[in-house]
PDB file of N, CA and C in Angstrom:
ATOM      1  N   MET A   1      14.166  45.964  12.591  1.00  0.00           N
ATOM      2  CA  MET A   1      13.030  44.967  11.958  1.00  0.00           C
ATOM      3  C   MET A   1      11.988  44.746  13.085  1.00  0.00           C
ATOM      4  N   SER A   2      10.753  45.423  13.099  1.00  0.00           N
ATOM      5  CA  SER A   2      10.385  45.399  14.175  1.00  0.00           C
ATOM      6  C   SER A   2       8.955  44.649  13.156  1.00  0.00           C
ATOM      7  N   ILE A   3       7.923  43.256  13.489  1.00  0.00           N
ATOM      8  CA  ILE A   3       7.027  42.928  13.411  1.00  0.00           C
ATOM      9  C   ILE A   3       5.901  43.393  14.036  1.00  0.00           C
ATOM     10  N   SER A   4       5.167  43.377  13.533  1.00  0.00           N
ATOM     11  CA  SER A   4       3.630  44.189  14.527  1.00  0.00           C
ATOM     12  C   SER A   4       3.738  42.774  15.228  1.00  0.00           C
ATOM     13  N   ASN A   5       2.829  43.333  16.414  1.00  0.00           N
ATOM     14  CA  ASN A   5       2.123  42.212  17.811  1.00  0.00           C
ATOM     15  C   ASN A   5       1.303  41.343  16.940  1.00  0.00           C
ATOM     16  N   GLU A   6       0.408  41.623  15.959  1.00  0.00           N
ATOM     17  CA  GLU A   6      -0.766  40.822  15.194  1.00  0.00           C
ATOM     18  C   GLU A   6      -0.449  39.679  14.348  1.00  0.00           C
ATOM     19  N   ALA A   7       1.133  40.269  13.493  1.00  0.00           N
ATOM     20  CA  ALA A   7       1.374  39.469  12.460  1.00  0.00           C
ATOM     21  C   ALA A   7       2.985  38.718  13.172  1.00  0.00           C
ATOM     22  N   LEU A   8       3.162  38.616  14.332  1.00  0.00           N
ATOM     23  CA  LEU A   8       3.554  37.771  15.445  1.00  0.00           C
ATOM     24  C   LEU A   8       3.002  37.150  15.684  1.00  0.00           C
ATOM     25  N   GLN A   9       1.547  36.989  16.541  1.00  0.00           N
ATOM     26  CA  GLN A   9       0.622  36.228  16.561  1.00  0.00           C
ATOM     27  C   GLN A   9       0.449  35.175  15.627  1.00  0.00           C
ATOM     28  N   LYS A  10       0.166  36.171  14.651  1.00  0.00           N
ATOM     29  CA  LYS A  10      -0.566  35.245  13.571  1.00  0.00           C
ATOM     30  C   LYS A  10       0.568  34.018  13.105  1.00  0.00           C
ATOM     31  N   LEU A  11       1.907  34.760  13.460  1.00  0.00           N
ATOM     32  CA  LEU A  11       3.080  33.538  12.831  1.00  0.00           C
ATOM     33  C   LEU A  11       3.503  32.411  13.857  1.00  0.00           C
ATOM     34  N   VAL A  12       3.263  32.624  15.049  1.00  0.00           N
ATOM     35  CA  VAL A  12       2.973  31.893  15.912  1.00  0.00           C
ATOM     36  C   VAL A  12       1.703  30.637  15.957  1.00  0.00           C
ATOM     37  N   ARG A  13       0.723  31.429  15.752  1.00  0.00           N
ATOM     38  CA  ARG A  13      -0.307  30.233  15.399  1.00  0.00           C
ATOM     39  C   ARG A  13      -0.273  29.772  14.358  1.00  0.00           C
ATOM     40  N   GLU A  14       0.163  30.082  12.926  1.00  0.00           N
ATOM     41  CA  GLU A  14       0.552  28.887  11.999  1.00  0.00           C
ATOM     42  C   GLU A  14       1.660  27.840  12.452  1.00  0.00           C
ATOM     43  N   ILE A  15       2.845  28.756  13.074  1.00  0.00           N
ATOM     44  CA  ILE A  15       3.788  27.413  13.284  1.00  0.00           C
ATOM     45  C   ILE A  15       3.377  26.371  14.610  1.00  0.00           C
ATOM     46  N   GLU A  16       2.824  26.933  15.470  1.00  0.00           N
ATOM     47  CA  GLU A  16       2.037  26.080  16.342  1.00  0.00           C
ATOM     48  C   GLU A  16       1.186  25.137  15.728  1.00  0.00           C
ATOM     49  N   SER A  17      -0.026  25.076  14.596  1.00  0.00           N
ATOM     50  CA  SER A  17      -0.516  24.159  14.214  1.00  0.00           C
ATOM     51  C   SER A  17       0.140  23.371  12.839  1.00  0.00           C
ATOM     52  N   GLN A  18       1.326  24.186  12.704  1.00  0.00           N
ATOM     53  CA  GLN A  18       2.384  22.782  12.051  1.00  0.00           C
ATOM     54  C   GLN A  18       3.170  22.214  13.412  1.00  0.00           C
ATOM     55  N   ALA A  19       2.814  22.122  14.286  1.00  0.00           N
ATOM     56  CA  ALA A  19       3.544  21.199  15.497  1.00  0.00           C
ATOM     57  C   ALA A  19       2.792  20.224  15.747  1.00  0.00           C
ATOM     58  N   ILE A  20       1.568  20.677  15.815  1.00  0.00           N
ATOM     59  CA  ILE A  20       0.129  19.974  15.824  1.00  0.00           C
ATOM     60  C   ILE A  20      -0.083  19.042  15.223  1.00  0.00           C
ATOM     61  N   ALA A  21       0.359  19.078  13.839  1.00  0.00           N
ATOM     62  CA  ALA A  21      -0.160  18.601  12.594  1.00  0.00           C
ATOM     63  C   ALA A  21       0.996  17.219  12.524  1.00  0.00           C
ATOM     64  N   ALA A  22       2.157  17.660  12.725  1.00  0.00           N
ATOM     65  CA  ALA A  22       3.567  16.757  13.174  1.00  0.00           C
ATOM     66  C   ALA A  22       3.198  15.768  14.330  1.00  0.00           C
ATOM     67  N   GLN A  23       2.890  16.526  15.411  1.00  0.00           N
ATOM     68  CA  GLN A  23       2.634  15.513  16.292  1.00  0.00           C
ATOM     69  C   GLN A  23       1.698  14.484  16.098  1.00  0.00           C
ATOM     70  N   GLN A  24       0.764  14.935  15.180  1.00  0.00           N
ATOM     71  CA  GLN A  24      -0.894  13.651  15.298  1.00  0.00           C
ATOM     72  C   GLN A  24       0.176  13.253  14.453  1.00  0.00           C
ATOM     73  N   GLN A  25       0.814  12.889  12.918  1.00  0.00           N
ATOM     74  CA  GLN A  25       1.756  12.613  11.927  1.00  0.00           C
ATOM     75  C   GLN A  25       2.468  11.412  12.955  1.00  0.00           C
ATOM     76  N   ILE A  26       3.356  11.929  14.143  1.00  0.00           N
ATOM     77  CA  ILE A  26       4.220  10.988  14.702  1.00  0.00           C
ATOM     78  C   ILE A  26       3.052   9.670  15.466  1.00  0.00           C
ATOM     79  N   GLY A  27       1.909   9.921  15.916  1.00  0.00           N
ATOM     80  CA  GLY A  27       1.242   9.056  16.085  1.00  0.00           C
ATOM     81  C   GLY A  27       0.889   8.100  15.206  1.00  0.00           C
ATOM     82  N   LEU A  28       0.503   8.757  14.298  1.00  0.00           N
ATOM     83  CA  LEU A  28       0.193   7.722  13.506  1.00  0.00           C
ATOM     84  C   LEU A  28       1.467   6.977  12.676  1.00  0.00           C
ATOM     85  N   VAL A  29       2.506   7.308  12.018  1.00  0.00           N
ATOM     86  CA  VAL A  29       3.422   6.794  12.128  1.00  0.00           C
ATOM     87  C   VAL A  29       4.144   5.909  13.126  1.00  0.00           C
ATOM     88  N   ARG A  30       4.055   5.936  13.972  1.00  0.00           N
ATOM     89  CA  ARG A  30       4.303   4.959  15.057  1.00  0.00           C
ATOM     90  C   ARG A  30       3.427   4.122  15.339  1.00  0.00           C
ATOM     91  N   THR A  31       2.443   4.240  15.244  1.00  0.00           N
ATOM     92  CA  THR A  31       1.243   2.872  14.680  1.00  0.00           C
ATOM     93  C   THR A  31       1.833   1.970  13.360  1.00  0.00           C
ATOM     94  N   GLN A  32       1.728   3.054  12.684  1.00  0.00           N
ATOM     95  CA  GLN A  32       1.612   2.141  11.404  1.00  0.00           C
ATOM     96  C   GLN A  32       3.762   0.958  11.340  1.00  0.00           C
ATOM     97  N   MET A  33       4.314   1.881  12.379  1.00  0.00           N
ATOM     98  CA  MET A  33       5.034   0.821  12.568  1.00  0.00           C
ATOM     99  C   MET A  33       4.843  -0.118  13.140  1.00  0.00           C
ATOM    100  N   ALA A  34       4.333   0.288  14.619  1.00  0.00           N
ATOM    101  CA  ALA A  34       4.110  -0.815  15.352  1.00  0.00           C
ATOM    102  C   ALA A  34       3.508  -2.397  14.806  1.00  0.00           C
ATOM    103  N   SER A  35       2.967  -2.080  14.511  1.00  0.00           N
ATOM    104  CA  SER A  35       1.750  -2.669  12.935  1.00  0.00           C
ATOM    105  C   SER A  35       2.692  -3.362  12.061  1.00  0.00           C
ATOM    106  N   LYS A  36       3.591  -2.527  11.376  1.00  0.00           N
ATOM    107  CA  LYS A  36       4.280  -3.401  10.348  1.00  0.00           C
ATOM    108  C   LYS A  36       5.417  -4.469  11.219  1.00  0.00           C
ATOM    109  N   GLN A  37       5.622  -4.065  12.074  1.00  0.00           N
ATOM    110  CA  GLN A  37       7.116  -4.995  13.033  1.00  0.00           C
ATOM    111  C   GLN A  37       6.067  -6.263  13.411  1.00  0.00           C
ATOM    112  N   ARG A  38       4.741  -6.237  13.806  1.00  0.00           N
ATOM    113  CA  ARG A  38       4.295  -7.247  14.521  1.00  0.00           C
ATOM    114  C   ARG A  38       3.989  -7.987  12.906  1.00  0.00           C
ATOM    115  N   GLU A  39       3.455  -7.652  11.764  1.00  0.00           N
ATOM    116  CA  GLU A  39       3.590  -8.432  10.185  1.00  0.00           C
ATOM    117  C   GLU A  39       4.853  -9.651  10.112  1.00  0.00           C
ATOM    118  N   MET A  40       5.534  -8.393  10.271  1.00  0.00           N
ATOM    119  CA  MET A  40       6.976  -8.654  10.210  1.00  0.00           C
ATOM    120  C   MET A  40       7.266 -10.333  10.828  1.00  0.00           C
ATOM    121  N   ARG A  41       7.051 -10.163  12.140  1.00  0.00           N
ATOM    122  CA  ARG A  41       7.157 -10.873  13.456  1.00  0.00           C
ATOM    123  C   ARG A  41       6.639 -12.368  12.934  1.00  0.00           C
ATOM    124  N   LEU A  42       4.996 -12.327  12.446  1.00  0.00           N
ATOM    125  CA  LEU A  42       4.466 -12.968  12.489  1.00  0.00           C
ATOM    126  C   LEU A  42       5.123 -13.915  11.301  1.00  0.00           C
ATOM    127  N   ALA A  43       5.396 -13.474   9.711  1.00  0.00           N
ATOM    128  CA  ALA A  43       5.681 -13.915   8.840  1.00  0.00           C
ATOM    129  C   ALA A  43       7.470 -14.344   9.312  1.00  0.00           C
ATOM    130  N   GLN A  44       8.041 -13.902   9.750  1.00  0.00           N
ATOM    131  CA  GLN A  44       9.082 -15.158  10.057  1.00  0.00           C
ATOM    132  C   GLN A  44       8.970 -16.160  11.215  1.00  0.00           C
ATOM    133  N   LEU A  45       7.900 -15.956  11.886  1.00  0.00           N
ATOM    134  CA  LEU A  45       7.828 -17.226  13.005  1.00  0.00           C
ATOM    135  C   LEU A  45       6.807 -18.516  12.113  1.00  0.00           C
ATOM    136  N   THR A  46       6.269 -17.846  11.072  1.00  0.00           N
ATOM    137  CA  THR A  46       5.423 -18.549   9.921  1.00  0.00           C
ATOM    138  C   THR A  46       6.639 -19.598   9.281  1.00  0.00           C
ATOM    139  N   ARG A  47       7.426 -18.389   8.783  1.00  0.00           N
ATOM    140  CA  ARG A  47       8.073 -18.813   7.837  1.00  0.00           C
ATOM    141  C   ARG A  47       9.270 -20.198   8.595  1.00  0.00           C
ATOM    142  N   SER A  48       9.758 -20.177   9.786  1.00  0.00           N
ATOM    143  CA  SER A  48      10.781 -20.724  10.619  1.00  0.00           C
ATOM    144  C   SER A  48       9.709 -21.944  10.814  1.00  0.00           C
ATOM    145  N   GLU A  49       8.607 -21.501  11.017  1.00  0.00           N
ATOM    146  CA  GLU A  49       7.911 -22.913  11.787  1.00  0.00           C
ATOM    147  C   GLU A  49       7.939 -24.165  10.546  1.00  0.00           C
ATOM    148  N   ILE A  50       7.596 -23.166   9.015  1.00  0.00           N
ATOM    149  CA  ILE A  50       7.264 -24.087   8.187  1.00  0.00           C
ATOM    150  C   ILE A  50       8.645 -25.009   7.507  1.00  0.00           C
ATOM    151  N   SER A  51       9.534 -24.184   7.804  1.00  0.00           N
ATOM    152  CA  SER A  51      11.176 -24.511   7.368  1.00  0.00           C
ATOM    153  C   SER A  51      11.369 -25.679   8.176  1.00  0.00           C
ATOM    154  N   SER A  52      10.893 -26.004   9.593  1.00  0.00           N
ATOM    155  CA  SER A  52      11.098 -27.384  10.496  1.00  0.00           C
ATOM    156  C   SER A  52      10.307 -28.461  10.007  1.00  0.00           C
ATOM    157  N   LEU A  53       9.216 -28.116   8.925  1.00  0.00           N
ATOM    158  CA  LEU A  53       8.505 -29.092   8.824  1.00  0.00           C
ATOM    159  C   LEU A  53       9.179 -30.348   7.577  1.00  0.00           C
ATOM    160  N   PRO A  54       8.994 -31.486   7.328  1.00  0.00           N
ATOM    161  CA  PRO A  54       8.924 -31.663   6.147  1.00  0.00           C
ATOM    162  C   PRO A  54       9.064 -31.567   4.777  1.00  0.00           C
ATOM    163  N   PRO A  55       9.634 -31.682   3.799  1.00  0.00           N
ATOM    164  CA  PRO A  55       9.044 -30.791   2.595  1.00  0.00           C
ATOM    165  C   PRO A  55       7.635 -31.237   1.723  1.00  0.00           C
ATOM    166  N   ASP A  56       7.161 -31.836   2.213  1.00  0.00           N
ATOM    167  CA  ASP A  56       6.283 -32.718   1.643  1.00  0.00           C
ATOM    168  C   ASP A  56       4.837 -32.755   2.876  1.00  0.00           C
ATOM    169  N   THR A  57       5.222 -31.816   3.602  1.00  0.00           N
ATOM    170  CA  THR A  57       3.766 -31.792   4.648  1.00  0.00           C
ATOM    171  C   THR A  57       2.416 -30.924   3.722  1.00  0.00           C
ATOM    172  N   ALA A  58       1.478 -31.290   3.842  1.00  0.00           N
ATOM    173  CA  ALA A  58       0.595 -30.238   3.071  1.00  0.00           C
ATOM    174  C   ALA A  58       0.360 -28.922   4.180  1.00  0.00           C
ATOM    175  N   VAL A  59       0.881 -28.088   3.166  1.00  0.00           N
ATOM    176  CA  VAL A  59       0.562 -26.410   4.075  1.00  0.00           C
ATOM    177  C   VAL A  59      -0.407 -25.843   3.443  1.00  0.00           C
ATOM    178  N   TYR A  60      -1.475 -25.092   4.156  1.00  0.00           N
ATOM    179  CA  TYR A  60      -2.479 -24.421   3.559  1.00  0.00           C
ATOM    180  C   TYR A  60      -2.076 -22.550   4.200  1.00  0.00           C
ATOM    181  N   GLU A  61      -2.500 -21.759   3.143  1.00  0.00           N
ATOM    182  CA  GLU A  61      -2.967 -20.562   3.203  1.00  0.00           C
ATOM    183  C   GLU A  61      -3.950 -20.070   3.286  1.00  0.00           C
ATOM    184  N   GLY A  62      -4.552 -19.105   4.097  1.00  0.00           N
ATOM    185  CA  GLY A  62      -5.601 -18.404   4.174  1.00  0.00           C
ATOM    186  C   GLY A  62      -5.897 -17.227   3.322  1.00  0.00           C
ATOM    187  N   VAL A  63      -7.032 -17.483   3.012  1.00  0.00           N
ATOM    188  CA  VAL A  63      -7.277 -16.512   1.273  1.00  0.00           C
ATOM    189  C   VAL A  63      -8.763 -16.005   1.519  1.00  0.00           C
ATOM    190  N   GLY A  64      -9.499 -15.183   2.241  1.00  0.00           N
ATOM    191  CA  GLY A  64     -10.467 -14.730   2.944  1.00  0.00           C
ATOM    192  C   GLY A  64     -11.159 -15.749   4.222  1.00  0.00           C
ATOM    193  N   LYS A  65     -12.016 -16.064   3.416  1.00  0.00           N
ATOM    194  CA  LYS A  65     -12.869 -17.129   4.729  1.00  0.00           C
ATOM    195  C   LYS A  65     -12.392 -19.060   4.296  1.00  0.00           C
ATOM    196  N   MET A  66     -11.339 -18.894   3.057  1.00  0.00           N
ATOM    197  CA  MET A  66     -11.038 -20.203   2.817  1.00  0.00           C
ATOM    198  C   MET A  66      -9.701 -20.616   3.006  1.00  0.00           C
ATOM    199  N   PHE A  67      -9.219 -21.864   2.791  1.00  0.00           N
ATOM    200  CA  PHE A  67      -7.709 -22.289   3.029  1.00  0.00           C
ATOM    201  C   PHE A  67      -7.352 -22.927   1.421  1.00  0.00           C
ATOM    202  N   VAL A  68      -6.013 -22.366   1.192  1.00  0.00           N
ATOM    203  CA  VAL A  68      -5.424 -22.878  -0.206  1.00  0.00           C
ATOM    204  C   VAL A  68      -4.476 -24.023  -0.266  1.00  0.00           C
ATOM    205  N   GLY A  69      -4.364 -25.106  -0.436  1.00  0.00           N
ATOM    206  CA  GLY A  69      -2.989 -25.708   0.083  1.00  0.00           C
ATOM    207  C   GLY A  69      -2.046 -25.207  -1.364  1.00  0.00           C
ATOM    208  N   LEU A  70      -0.875 -25.460  -0.465  1.00  0.00           N
ATOM    209  CA  LEU A  70       0.545 -24.789  -1.456  1.00  0.00           C
ATOM    210  C   LEU A  70       1.341 -25.812  -0.838  1.00  0.00           C
ATOM    211  N   PRO A  71       2.489 -25.428  -1.968  1.00  0.00           N
ATOM    212  CA  PRO A  71       3.832 -26.381  -1.641  1.00  0.00           C
ATOM    213  C   PRO A  71       4.681 -25.524  -0.392  1.00  0.00           C
ATOM    214  N   ALA A  72       5.305 -26.317   0.585  1.00  0.00           N
ATOM    215  CA  ALA A  72       5.547 -25.359   1.372  1.00  0.00           C
ATOM    216  C   ALA A  72       6.923 -24.535   0.579  1.00  0.00           C
ATOM    217  N   PRO A  73       7.548 -25.215  -0.191  1.00  0.00           N
ATOM    218  CA  PRO A  73       8.523 -24.241  -0.817  1.00  0.00           C
ATOM    219  C   PRO A  73       8.129 -22.788  -1.198  1.00  0.00           C
ATOM    220  N   THR A  74       7.010 -22.637  -1.648  1.00  0.00           N
ATOM    221  CA  THR A  74       5.842 -21.647  -2.140  1.00  0.00           C
ATOM    222  C   THR A  74       5.667 -20.638  -1.483  1.00  0.00           C
ATOM    223  N   LEU A  75       5.197 -21.220  -0.102  1.00  0.00           N
ATOM    224  CA  LEU A  75       4.590 -20.530   0.902  1.00  0.00           C
ATOM    225  C   LEU A  75       5.875 -19.520   1.746  1.00  0.00           C
ATOM    226  N   GLN A  76       6.686 -20.208   1.806  1.00  0.00           N
ATOM    227  CA  GLN A  76       8.071 -19.611   2.347  1.00  0.00           C
ATOM    228  C   GLN A  76       8.575 -18.900   1.793  1.00  0.00           C
ATOM    229  N   GLU A  77       8.676 -18.478  -0.274  1.00  0.00           N
ATOM    230  CA  GLU A  77       9.203 -17.927  -0.913  1.00  0.00           C
ATOM    231  C   GLU A  77       8.197 -16.569  -0.148  1.00  0.00           C
ATOM    232  N   LYS A  78       6.689 -16.763  -0.519  1.00  0.00           N
ATOM    233  CA  LYS A  78       6.069 -15.417  -0.476  1.00  0.00           C
ATOM    234  C   LYS A  78       6.315 -14.850   1.493  1.00  0.00           C
ATOM    235  N   LEU A  79       6.499 -15.684   2.091  1.00  0.00           N
ATOM    236  CA  LEU A  79       6.589 -15.188   3.202  1.00  0.00           C
ATOM    237  C   LEU A  79       7.753 -14.535   3.520  1.00  0.00           C
ATOM    238  N   SER A  80       9.073 -14.773   2.986  1.00  0.00           N
ATOM    239  CA  SER A  80      10.050 -13.993   2.617  1.00  0.00           C
ATOM    240  C   SER A  80       9.656 -13.118   1.828  1.00  0.00           C
ATOM    241  N   SER A  81       9.169 -13.003   0.542  1.00  0.00           N
ATOM    242  CA  SER A  81       8.973 -11.874   0.209  1.00  0.00           C
ATOM    243  C   SER A  81       8.364 -10.545   1.000  1.00  0.00           C
ATOM    244  N   GLN A  82       7.407 -11.791   1.559  1.00  0.00           N
ATOM    245  CA  GLN A  82       6.568 -10.666   2.730  1.00  0.00           C
ATOM    246  C   GLN A  82       7.245  -9.473   3.898  1.00  0.00           C
ATOM    247  N   VAL A  83       8.507 -10.232   3.967  1.00  0.00           N
ATOM    248  CA  VAL A  83       9.014  -9.820   5.384  1.00  0.00           C
ATOM    249  C   VAL A  83       9.926  -8.864   4.828  1.00  0.00           C
ATOM    250  N   LYS A  84      10.325  -9.156   3.721  1.00  0.00           N
ATOM    251  CA  LYS A  84      11.308  -7.976   3.099  1.00  0.00           C
ATOM    252  C   LYS A  84      10.601  -6.811   2.432  1.00  0.00           C
ATOM    253  N   GLU A  85       9.904  -7.178   2.115  1.00  0.00           N
ATOM    254  CA  GLU A  85       8.709  -5.657   1.618  1.00  0.00           C
ATOM    255  C   GLU A  85       7.969  -5.138   3.243  1.00  0.00           C
ATOM    256  N   ASN A  86       8.186  -5.423   4.176  1.00  0.00           N
ATOM    257  CA  ASN A  86       7.913  -4.960   5.078  1.00  0.00           C
ATOM    258  C   ASN A  86       8.609  -4.503   5.677  1.00  0.00           C
ATOM    259  N   GLU A  87      10.605  -4.912   5.563  1.00  0.00           N
ATOM    260  CA  GLU A  87      10.981  -3.990   6.375  1.00  0.00           C
ATOM    261  C   GLU A  87      11.762  -2.821   5.067  1.00  0.00           C
ATOM    262  N   THR A  88      11.313  -2.792   4.240  1.00  0.00           N
ATOM    263  CA  THR A  88      11.486  -1.457   3.312  1.00  0.00           C
ATOM    264  C   THR A  88      10.405  -0.562   3.520  1.00  0.00           C
ATOM    265  N   GLU A  89       9.401  -0.946   4.082  1.00  0.00           N
ATOM    266  CA  GLU A  89       8.019   0.047   4.340  1.00  0.00           C
ATOM    267  C   GLU A  89       8.630   0.475   6.247  1.00  0.00           C
ATOM    268  N   LEU A  90       8.885  -0.376   6.236  1.00  0.00           N
ATOM    269  CA  LEU A  90       9.400   0.303   8.443  1.00  0.00           C
ATOM    270  C   LEU A  90      10.509   0.727   7.773  1.00  0.00           C
ATOM    271  N   GLU A  91      11.343   0.706   6.901  1.00  0.00           N
ATOM    272  CA  GLU A  91      12.595   1.642   6.244  1.00  0.00           C
ATOM    273  C   GLU A  91      12.427   3.028   6.085  1.00  0.00           C
ATOM    274  N   ALA A  92      11.235   2.866   5.199  1.00  0.00           N
ATOM    275  CA  ALA A  92      10.342   4.538   4.793  1.00  0.00           C
ATOM    276  C   ALA A  92      10.084   4.869   5.889  1.00  0.00           C
ATOM    277  N   LEU A  93       9.041   4.128   6.768  1.00  0.00           N
ATOM    278  CA  LEU A  93       7.976   5.131   7.946  1.00  0.00           C
ATOM    279  C   LEU A  93       9.262   5.205   8.990  1.00  0.00           C
ATOM    280  N   SER A  94      10.599   5.096   9.329  1.00  0.00           N
ATOM    281  CA  SER A  94      11.487   5.401  10.218  1.00  0.00           C
ATOM    282  C   SER A  94      11.766   6.365   9.419  1.00  0.00           C
ATOM    283  N   LYS A  95      12.010   7.014   8.395  1.00  0.00           N
ATOM    284  CA  LYS A  95      12.414   8.038   7.913  1.00  0.00           C
ATOM    285  C   LYS A  95      11.788   9.155   7.924  1.00  0.00           C
ATOM    286  N   ARG A  96       9.927   8.714   8.040  1.00  0.00           N
ATOM    287  CA  ARG A  96       9.683   9.417   7.840  1.00  0.00           C
ATOM    288  C   ARG A  96       8.884  10.602   9.511  1.00  0.00           C
ATOM    289  N   LEU A  97       9.213   9.327  10.024  1.00  0.00           N
ATOM    290  CA  LEU A  97       9.412   9.435  11.774  1.00  0.00           C
ATOM    291  C   LEU A  97      10.516  10.654  11.908  1.00  0.00           C
ATOM    292  N   HIS A  98      11.147  10.104  11.384  1.00  0.00           N
ATOM    293  CA  HIS A  98      12.556  10.952  11.936  1.00  0.00           C
ATOM    294  C   HIS A  98      12.216  12.800  10.979  1.00  0.00           C
ATOM    295  N   TYR A  99      11.721  12.633  10.169  1.00  0.00           N
ATOM    296  CA  TYR A  99      11.485  13.871   9.289  1.00  0.00           C
ATOM    297  C   TYR A  99      10.374  14.892  10.206  1.00  0.00           C
ATOM    298  N   LEU A 100       9.444  13.779  10.983  1.00  0.00           N
ATOM    299  CA  LEU A 100       8.293  14.446  11.786  1.00  0.00           C
ATOM    300  C   LEU A 100       8.615  14.921  12.740  1.00  0.00           C
ATOM    301  N   GLU A 101       9.325  14.465  13.710  1.00  0.00           N
ATOM    302  CA  GLU A 101       9.754  14.951  14.559  1.00  0.00           C
ATOM    303  C   GLU A 101      10.917  15.722  14.964  1.00  0.00           C
ATOM    304  N   THR A 102      12.007  15.778  13.804  1.00  0.00           N
ATOM    305  CA  THR A 102      12.829  17.222  13.199  1.00  0.00           C
ATOM    306  C   THR A 102      11.853  18.234  13.101  1.00  0.00           C
ATOM    307  N   THR A 103      10.460  18.408  12.164  1.00  0.00           N
ATOM    308  CA  THR A 103       9.810  19.473  12.405  1.00  0.00           C
ATOM    309  C   THR A 103       9.113  19.813  13.121  1.00  0.00           C
ATOM    310  N   ASP A 104       8.783  18.815  13.909  1.00  0.00           N
ATOM    311  CA  ASP A 104       7.847  19.370  15.373  1.00  0.00           C
ATOM    312  C   ASP A 104       9.084  19.849  16.216  1.00  0.00           C
ATOM    313  N   LYS A 105      10.288  19.723  16.429  1.00  0.00           N
ATOM    314  CA  LYS A 105      11.324  19.918  17.639  1.00  0.00           C
ATOM    315  C   LYS A 105      11.312  21.466  16.740  1.00  0.00           C
ATOM    316  N   ASN A 106      11.939  21.706  15.631  1.00  0.00           N
ATOM    317  CA  ASN A 106      12.158  23.085  14.866  1.00  0.00           C
ATOM    318  C   ASN A 106      10.689  24.224  15.249  1.00  0.00           C
ATOM    319  N   SER A 107       9.489  23.324  15.192  1.00  0.00           N
ATOM    320  CA  SER A 107       8.426  24.389  15.537  1.00  0.00           C
ATOM    321  C   SER A 107       8.937  24.949  16.339  1.00  0.00           C
ATOM    322  N   ARG A 108       8.998  23.900  17.200  1.00  0.00           N
ATOM    323  CA  ARG A 108       8.698  24.254  18.983  1.00  0.00           C
ATOM    324  C   ARG A 108      10.144  25.715  19.190  1.00  0.00           C
ATOM    325  N   GLU A 109      11.153  25.155  18.641  1.00  0.00           N
ATOM    326  CA  GLU A 109      11.888  25.995  18.868  1.00  0.00           C
ATOM    327  C   GLU A 109      12.289  27.570  18.194  1.00  0.00           C
ATOM    328  N   HIS A 110      11.032  27.530  16.886  1.00  0.00           N
ATOM    329  CA  HIS A 110      11.099  28.824  16.356  1.00  0.00           C
ATOM    330  C   HIS A 110       9.908  29.678  17.274  1.00  0.00           C
ATOM    331  N   ILE A 111       8.841  28.993  17.933  1.00  0.00           N
ATOM    332  CA  ILE A 111       8.040  29.361  18.643  1.00  0.00           C
ATOM    333  C   ILE A 111       8.717  29.861  19.983  1.00  0.00           C
ATOM    334  N   GLU A 112       9.544  29.397  20.923  1.00  0.00           N
ATOM    335  CA  GLU A 112      10.566  29.555  21.774  1.00  0.00           C
ATOM    336  C   GLU A 112      10.960  31.092  21.770  1.00  0.00           C
ATOM    337  N   LYS A 113      11.785  30.930  20.564  1.00  0.00           N
ATOM    338  CA  LYS A 113      12.288  32.343  19.865  1.00  0.00           C
ATOM    339  C   LYS A 113      11.695  33.097  19.734  1.00  0.00           C
ATOM    340  N   MET A 114      10.537  33.478  18.834  1.00  0.00           N
ATOM    341  CA  MET A 114       9.426  34.192  18.845  1.00  0.00           C
ATOM    342  C   MET A 114       9.307  34.774  20.138  1.00  0.00           C
ATOM    343  N   LEU A 115       8.915  33.811  21.265  1.00  0.00           N
ATOM    344  CA  LEU A 115       8.238  34.435  22.636  1.00  0.00           C
ATOM    345  C   LEU A 115       9.116  35.126  23.524  1.00  0.00           C
ATOM    346  N   LYS A 116      10.487  34.756  22.964  1.00  0.00           N
ATOM    347  CA  LYS A 116      12.139  35.089  23.718  1.00  0.00           C
ATOM    348  C   LYS A 116      12.128  36.654  23.391  1.00  0.00           C
ATOM    349  N   GLY A 117      12.039  36.653  22.109  1.00  0.00           N
ATOM    350  CA  GLY A 117      12.284  37.756  21.594  1.00  0.00           C
ATOM    351  C   GLY A 117      11.289  38.877  21.659  1.00  0.00           C
ATOM    352  N   GLN A 118      10.167  38.425  21.750  1.00  0.00           N
ATOM    353  CA  GLN A 118       9.284  39.554  21.978  1.00  0.00           C
ATOM    354  C   GLN A 118       9.021  40.151  23.655  1.00  0.00           C
ATOM    355  N   ALA A 119       9.374  39.012  24.650  1.00  0.00           N
ATOM    356  CA  ALA A 119       9.403  39.719  26.120  1.00  0.00           C
ATOM    357  C   ALA A 119      10.362  40.422  25.982  1.00  0.00           C
TER     358      ALA A 119
END
């Protein structure tokens, strides 16, 4: 089976554009993962600091440009749920990153096979 040179070039361009899109998405996902990890560390640190305080200590949560007083256990629960939510999102982002890296690798391998086959 012989593919015309023009069709082969078109196919290579399509695969190249998929690889470029995958690389861009990989960068974006890595940035999102780093952001989620920072948020999670901040919530964990805040939660551990609050747990070291006496239970009747006044604690406040930032809401826009204001601060709202909350009981310490309530704030700890909110921070725990934030940590769990971030862990779930990180897991999803990790799966997406793996998929994109596989897509990028496969695209590059296909391009190499086509170029070697053409030579």
